[in-house]
N, C-alpha and C. Protein backbone atom coordinates (compact mmCIF):
# COMPACT_ATOMS: atom_id res chain seq x y z
N UNK A 1 12.22 -12.38 -12.06
CA UNK A 1 11.41 -12.13 -10.88
C UNK A 1 10.02 -11.66 -11.29
N UNK A 2 9.06 -12.12 -10.54
CA UNK A 2 7.67 -11.78 -10.83
C UNK A 2 7.09 -10.92 -9.73
N UNK A 3 6.00 -10.23 -10.07
CA UNK A 3 5.21 -9.49 -9.09
C UNK A 3 3.99 -10.33 -8.78
N UNK A 4 3.68 -10.45 -7.50
CA UNK A 4 2.52 -11.22 -7.08
C UNK A 4 1.66 -10.36 -6.16
N UNK A 5 0.44 -10.79 -5.95
CA UNK A 5 -0.48 -10.08 -5.07
C UNK A 5 -1.24 -11.10 -4.24
N UNK A 6 -1.53 -10.72 -3.00
CA UNK A 6 -2.30 -11.58 -2.11
C UNK A 6 -3.37 -10.76 -1.42
N UNK A 7 -4.58 -11.31 -1.36
CA UNK A 7 -5.68 -10.62 -0.69
C UNK A 7 -7.02 -11.23 -1.06
N UNK A 8 -8.06 -10.48 -0.75
CA UNK A 8 -9.42 -10.93 -1.04
C UNK A 8 -9.69 -10.92 -2.54
N UNK A 9 -10.78 -11.54 -2.95
CA UNK A 9 -11.16 -11.54 -4.37
C UNK A 9 -11.25 -10.11 -4.91
N UNK A 10 -11.87 -9.24 -4.12
CA UNK A 10 -12.06 -7.86 -4.56
C UNK A 10 -10.72 -7.14 -4.70
N UNK A 11 -9.80 -7.38 -3.77
CA UNK A 11 -8.50 -6.72 -3.80
C UNK A 11 -7.66 -7.15 -5.00
N UNK A 12 -7.64 -8.43 -5.29
CA UNK A 12 -6.78 -8.94 -6.36
C UNK A 12 -7.37 -8.72 -7.75
N UNK A 13 -8.64 -8.42 -7.84
CA UNK A 13 -9.30 -8.27 -9.14
C UNK A 13 -8.61 -7.22 -10.01
N UNK A 14 -8.33 -6.05 -9.46
CA UNK A 14 -7.68 -4.99 -10.23
C UNK A 14 -6.30 -5.41 -10.73
N UNK A 15 -5.58 -6.15 -9.92
CA UNK A 15 -4.25 -6.62 -10.31
C UNK A 15 -4.37 -7.65 -11.44
N UNK A 16 -5.39 -8.49 -11.35
CA UNK A 16 -5.62 -9.46 -12.44
C UNK A 16 -5.93 -8.74 -13.74
N UNK A 17 -6.78 -7.71 -13.66
CA UNK A 17 -7.13 -6.95 -14.86
C UNK A 17 -5.92 -6.23 -15.44
N UNK A 18 -4.96 -5.88 -14.57
CA UNK A 18 -3.73 -5.23 -15.03
C UNK A 18 -2.74 -6.22 -15.63
N UNK A 19 -3.05 -7.51 -15.53
CA UNK A 19 -2.20 -8.51 -16.17
C UNK A 19 -1.34 -9.34 -15.23
N UNK A 20 -1.47 -9.14 -13.92
CA UNK A 20 -0.71 -9.95 -12.98
C UNK A 20 -1.22 -11.38 -13.01
N UNK A 21 -0.28 -12.32 -13.13
CA UNK A 21 -0.66 -13.72 -13.20
C UNK A 21 -0.49 -14.45 -11.87
N UNK A 22 0.41 -13.96 -11.02
CA UNK A 22 0.66 -14.60 -9.72
C UNK A 22 -0.27 -13.99 -8.68
N UNK A 23 -1.39 -14.62 -8.45
CA UNK A 23 -2.42 -14.10 -7.55
C UNK A 23 -2.74 -15.15 -6.49
N UNK A 24 -2.74 -14.73 -5.24
CA UNK A 24 -3.10 -15.60 -4.13
C UNK A 24 -4.34 -15.01 -3.47
N UNK A 25 -5.46 -15.71 -3.58
CA UNK A 25 -6.69 -15.25 -2.94
C UNK A 25 -6.72 -15.82 -1.54
N UNK A 26 -6.87 -14.93 -0.56
CA UNK A 26 -6.85 -15.37 0.84
C UNK A 26 -7.81 -14.54 1.68
N UNK A 27 -8.37 -15.19 2.67
CA UNK A 27 -9.22 -14.53 3.66
C UNK A 27 -8.60 -14.68 5.03
N UNK A 28 -9.30 -14.23 6.03
CA UNK A 28 -8.80 -14.27 7.41
C UNK A 28 -8.36 -15.68 7.82
N UNK A 29 -9.13 -16.69 7.43
CA UNK A 29 -8.86 -18.05 7.90
C UNK A 29 -7.62 -18.70 7.27
N UNK A 30 -7.23 -18.29 6.07
CA UNK A 30 -6.07 -18.93 5.43
C UNK A 30 -4.98 -17.93 5.03
N UNK A 31 -5.04 -16.72 5.53
CA UNK A 31 -4.10 -15.68 5.12
C UNK A 31 -2.66 -16.04 5.47
N UNK A 32 -2.44 -16.52 6.68
CA UNK A 32 -1.07 -16.84 7.11
C UNK A 32 -0.47 -17.95 6.25
N UNK A 33 -1.24 -18.96 5.92
CA UNK A 33 -0.73 -20.05 5.08
C UNK A 33 -0.44 -19.56 3.66
N UNK A 34 -1.30 -18.72 3.11
CA UNK A 34 -1.10 -18.22 1.75
C UNK A 34 0.10 -17.27 1.68
N UNK A 35 0.28 -16.44 2.69
CA UNK A 35 1.43 -15.53 2.65
C UNK A 35 2.73 -16.31 2.81
N UNK A 36 2.71 -17.39 3.61
CA UNK A 36 3.89 -18.24 3.75
C UNK A 36 4.21 -18.91 2.41
N UNK A 37 3.17 -19.34 1.70
CA UNK A 37 3.37 -19.96 0.38
C UNK A 37 3.98 -18.95 -0.60
N UNK A 38 3.47 -17.74 -0.62
CA UNK A 38 3.98 -16.70 -1.52
C UNK A 38 5.41 -16.30 -1.15
N UNK A 39 5.68 -16.19 0.14
CA UNK A 39 7.01 -15.78 0.60
C UNK A 39 8.07 -16.83 0.27
N UNK A 40 7.67 -18.08 0.20
CA UNK A 40 8.64 -19.15 -0.05
C UNK A 40 8.91 -19.38 -1.55
N UNK A 41 8.13 -18.72 -2.41
CA UNK A 41 8.32 -18.87 -3.86
C UNK A 41 9.48 -17.99 -4.31
N UNK A 42 10.57 -18.60 -4.74
CA UNK A 42 11.79 -17.87 -5.12
C UNK A 42 11.62 -17.07 -6.40
N UNK A 43 10.56 -17.29 -7.16
CA UNK A 43 10.32 -16.53 -8.39
C UNK A 43 9.63 -15.20 -8.15
N UNK A 44 9.14 -14.98 -6.94
CA UNK A 44 8.43 -13.74 -6.63
C UNK A 44 9.42 -12.73 -6.05
N UNK A 45 9.51 -11.58 -6.70
CA UNK A 45 10.41 -10.52 -6.24
C UNK A 45 9.69 -9.44 -5.46
N UNK A 46 8.43 -9.17 -5.83
CA UNK A 46 7.61 -8.17 -5.17
C UNK A 46 6.27 -8.79 -4.86
N UNK A 47 5.83 -8.63 -3.62
CA UNK A 47 4.54 -9.16 -3.19
C UNK A 47 3.69 -8.01 -2.67
N UNK A 48 2.63 -7.68 -3.40
CA UNK A 48 1.71 -6.62 -2.98
C UNK A 48 0.65 -7.24 -2.08
N UNK A 49 0.40 -6.59 -0.95
CA UNK A 49 -0.60 -7.07 0.00
C UNK A 49 -1.51 -5.91 0.39
N UNK A 50 -2.73 -6.22 0.75
CA UNK A 50 -3.64 -5.21 1.27
C UNK A 50 -3.19 -4.89 2.69
N UNK A 51 -2.91 -3.62 2.97
CA UNK A 51 -2.36 -3.22 4.27
C UNK A 51 -3.24 -3.68 5.43
N UNK A 52 -4.54 -3.62 5.25
CA UNK A 52 -5.43 -4.01 6.36
C UNK A 52 -5.42 -5.52 6.61
N UNK A 53 -5.08 -6.30 5.60
CA UNK A 53 -5.03 -7.76 5.77
C UNK A 53 -3.85 -8.20 6.63
N UNK A 54 -2.83 -7.36 6.77
CA UNK A 54 -1.68 -7.71 7.61
C UNK A 54 -2.08 -7.89 9.08
N UNK A 55 -3.23 -7.35 9.45
CA UNK A 55 -3.73 -7.52 10.81
C UNK A 55 -4.14 -8.97 11.10
N UNK A 56 -4.29 -9.78 10.05
CA UNK A 56 -4.62 -11.20 10.21
C UNK A 56 -3.42 -12.01 10.71
N UNK A 57 -2.24 -11.40 10.67
CA UNK A 57 -1.02 -12.11 11.06
C UNK A 57 -0.63 -11.83 12.50
N UNK A 58 -0.04 -12.81 13.18
CA UNK A 58 0.50 -12.56 14.51
C UNK A 58 1.63 -11.53 14.41
N UNK A 59 1.87 -10.76 15.46
CA UNK A 59 2.88 -9.68 15.40
C UNK A 59 4.26 -10.13 14.93
N UNK A 60 4.73 -11.29 15.38
CA UNK A 60 6.07 -11.73 14.97
C UNK A 60 6.12 -12.08 13.47
N UNK A 61 5.07 -12.66 12.94
CA UNK A 61 5.01 -13.01 11.52
C UNK A 61 4.88 -11.73 10.69
N UNK A 62 4.05 -10.81 11.16
CA UNK A 62 3.87 -9.53 10.46
C UNK A 62 5.20 -8.79 10.34
N UNK A 63 5.96 -8.77 11.41
CA UNK A 63 7.26 -8.11 11.41
C UNK A 63 8.21 -8.77 10.42
N UNK A 64 8.23 -10.09 10.41
CA UNK A 64 9.09 -10.84 9.48
C UNK A 64 8.70 -10.55 8.04
N UNK A 65 7.41 -10.50 7.76
CA UNK A 65 6.92 -10.24 6.40
C UNK A 65 7.31 -8.84 5.95
N UNK A 66 7.10 -7.84 6.81
CA UNK A 66 7.39 -6.46 6.43
C UNK A 66 8.88 -6.18 6.29
N UNK A 67 9.71 -6.96 6.99
CA UNK A 67 11.16 -6.78 6.91
C UNK A 67 11.81 -7.62 5.82
N UNK A 68 11.01 -8.39 5.11
CA UNK A 68 11.53 -9.29 4.08
C UNK A 68 12.21 -8.53 2.95
N UNK A 69 13.30 -9.09 2.48
CA UNK A 69 14.01 -8.53 1.34
C UNK A 69 13.70 -9.33 0.08
N UNK A 70 13.48 -10.61 0.23
CA UNK A 70 13.16 -11.48 -0.90
C UNK A 70 11.97 -12.36 -0.54
N UNK A 71 10.79 -12.04 -0.97
CA UNK A 71 10.40 -10.90 -1.80
C UNK A 71 10.21 -9.63 -0.96
N UNK A 72 10.23 -8.49 -1.65
CA UNK A 72 9.91 -7.23 -1.00
C UNK A 72 8.39 -7.19 -0.89
N UNK A 73 7.89 -6.98 0.32
CA UNK A 73 6.45 -6.93 0.55
C UNK A 73 6.01 -5.47 0.58
N UNK A 74 5.05 -5.14 -0.29
CA UNK A 74 4.56 -3.78 -0.40
C UNK A 74 3.11 -3.73 0.03
N UNK A 75 2.84 -3.20 1.24
CA UNK A 75 1.45 -3.03 1.66
C UNK A 75 0.79 -1.92 0.84
N UNK A 76 -0.38 -2.19 0.32
CA UNK A 76 -1.12 -1.21 -0.49
C UNK A 76 -2.30 -0.72 0.33
N UNK A 77 -2.48 0.59 0.36
CA UNK A 77 -3.53 1.21 1.16
C UNK A 77 -2.91 1.87 2.38
N UNK A 78 -3.70 2.55 3.15
CA UNK A 78 -3.18 3.25 4.32
C UNK A 78 -3.10 4.74 4.06
N UNK A 79 -2.53 5.47 5.01
CA UNK A 79 -2.46 6.92 4.87
C UNK A 79 -1.17 7.37 4.19
N UNK A 80 -1.05 8.67 3.94
CA UNK A 80 0.10 9.20 3.21
C UNK A 80 1.40 9.02 3.97
N UNK A 81 1.37 9.14 5.30
CA UNK A 81 2.60 8.97 6.07
C UNK A 81 3.11 7.53 5.93
N UNK A 82 2.17 6.59 5.80
CA UNK A 82 2.53 5.20 5.57
C UNK A 82 3.24 5.07 4.22
N UNK A 83 2.73 5.74 3.20
CA UNK A 83 3.35 5.70 1.89
C UNK A 83 4.74 6.31 1.94
N UNK A 84 4.89 7.39 2.68
CA UNK A 84 6.19 8.05 2.82
C UNK A 84 7.23 7.08 3.38
N UNK A 85 6.85 6.35 4.41
CA UNK A 85 7.77 5.38 5.02
C UNK A 85 8.08 4.23 4.06
N UNK A 86 7.10 3.80 3.28
CA UNK A 86 7.33 2.71 2.32
C UNK A 86 8.35 3.12 1.27
N UNK A 87 8.19 4.32 0.73
CA UNK A 87 9.12 4.81 -0.29
C UNK A 87 10.51 4.96 0.31
N UNK A 88 10.57 5.53 1.50
CA UNK A 88 11.86 5.74 2.17
C UNK A 88 12.56 4.41 2.41
N UNK A 89 11.81 3.41 2.86
CA UNK A 89 12.39 2.09 3.13
C UNK A 89 12.83 1.40 1.84
N UNK A 90 12.03 1.57 0.78
CA UNK A 90 12.33 0.87 -0.46
C UNK A 90 13.55 1.42 -1.19
N UNK A 91 13.69 2.76 -1.22
CA UNK A 91 14.78 3.34 -1.99
C UNK A 91 15.84 4.02 -1.14
N UNK A 92 15.57 4.17 0.15
CA UNK A 92 16.58 4.72 1.05
C UNK A 92 16.66 6.24 1.05
N UNK A 93 15.70 6.90 0.40
CA UNK A 93 15.70 8.36 0.33
C UNK A 93 14.29 8.86 0.66
N UNK A 94 14.21 9.92 1.45
CA UNK A 94 12.92 10.52 1.78
C UNK A 94 12.56 11.53 0.70
N UNK A 95 11.76 11.10 -0.28
CA UNK A 95 11.40 11.96 -1.40
C UNK A 95 10.46 13.09 -0.99
N UNK A 96 9.81 12.94 0.15
CA UNK A 96 8.86 13.94 0.61
C UNK A 96 9.50 15.04 1.44
N UNK A 97 10.76 14.89 1.75
CA UNK A 97 11.46 15.83 2.62
C UNK A 97 11.55 17.21 1.96
N UNK A 98 11.22 18.24 2.73
CA UNK A 98 11.31 19.61 2.22
C UNK A 98 12.54 20.28 2.80
N UNK A 99 12.84 21.47 2.30
CA UNK A 99 13.99 22.21 2.80
C UNK A 99 13.81 22.61 4.26
N UNK A 100 12.57 22.73 4.72
CA UNK A 100 12.28 23.14 6.09
C UNK A 100 12.56 22.04 7.10
N UNK A 101 12.61 20.82 6.66
CA UNK A 101 12.79 19.69 7.59
C UNK A 101 14.25 19.41 7.82
């Protein structure tokens, strides 16, 4: 399984520098087609996306993408509560939970 990334040139640049080879450059006009292409690739296990780019998708497609198990879609960016939910969803445990909660 491979890790892939989808987003603007600026967003994917850091991932390319880190050595990621599966990169999909997409803008508002072709984002839905590129994410469909990435989601259909059986070799991709994790797909990193820019959280703000998910707004380019219709609500039903966005929901399907975020609920995907193969590949797991990881939105990058957003606030800390968003990160908390991502971790909880990915591993099934709330690592941020304190004794007071």
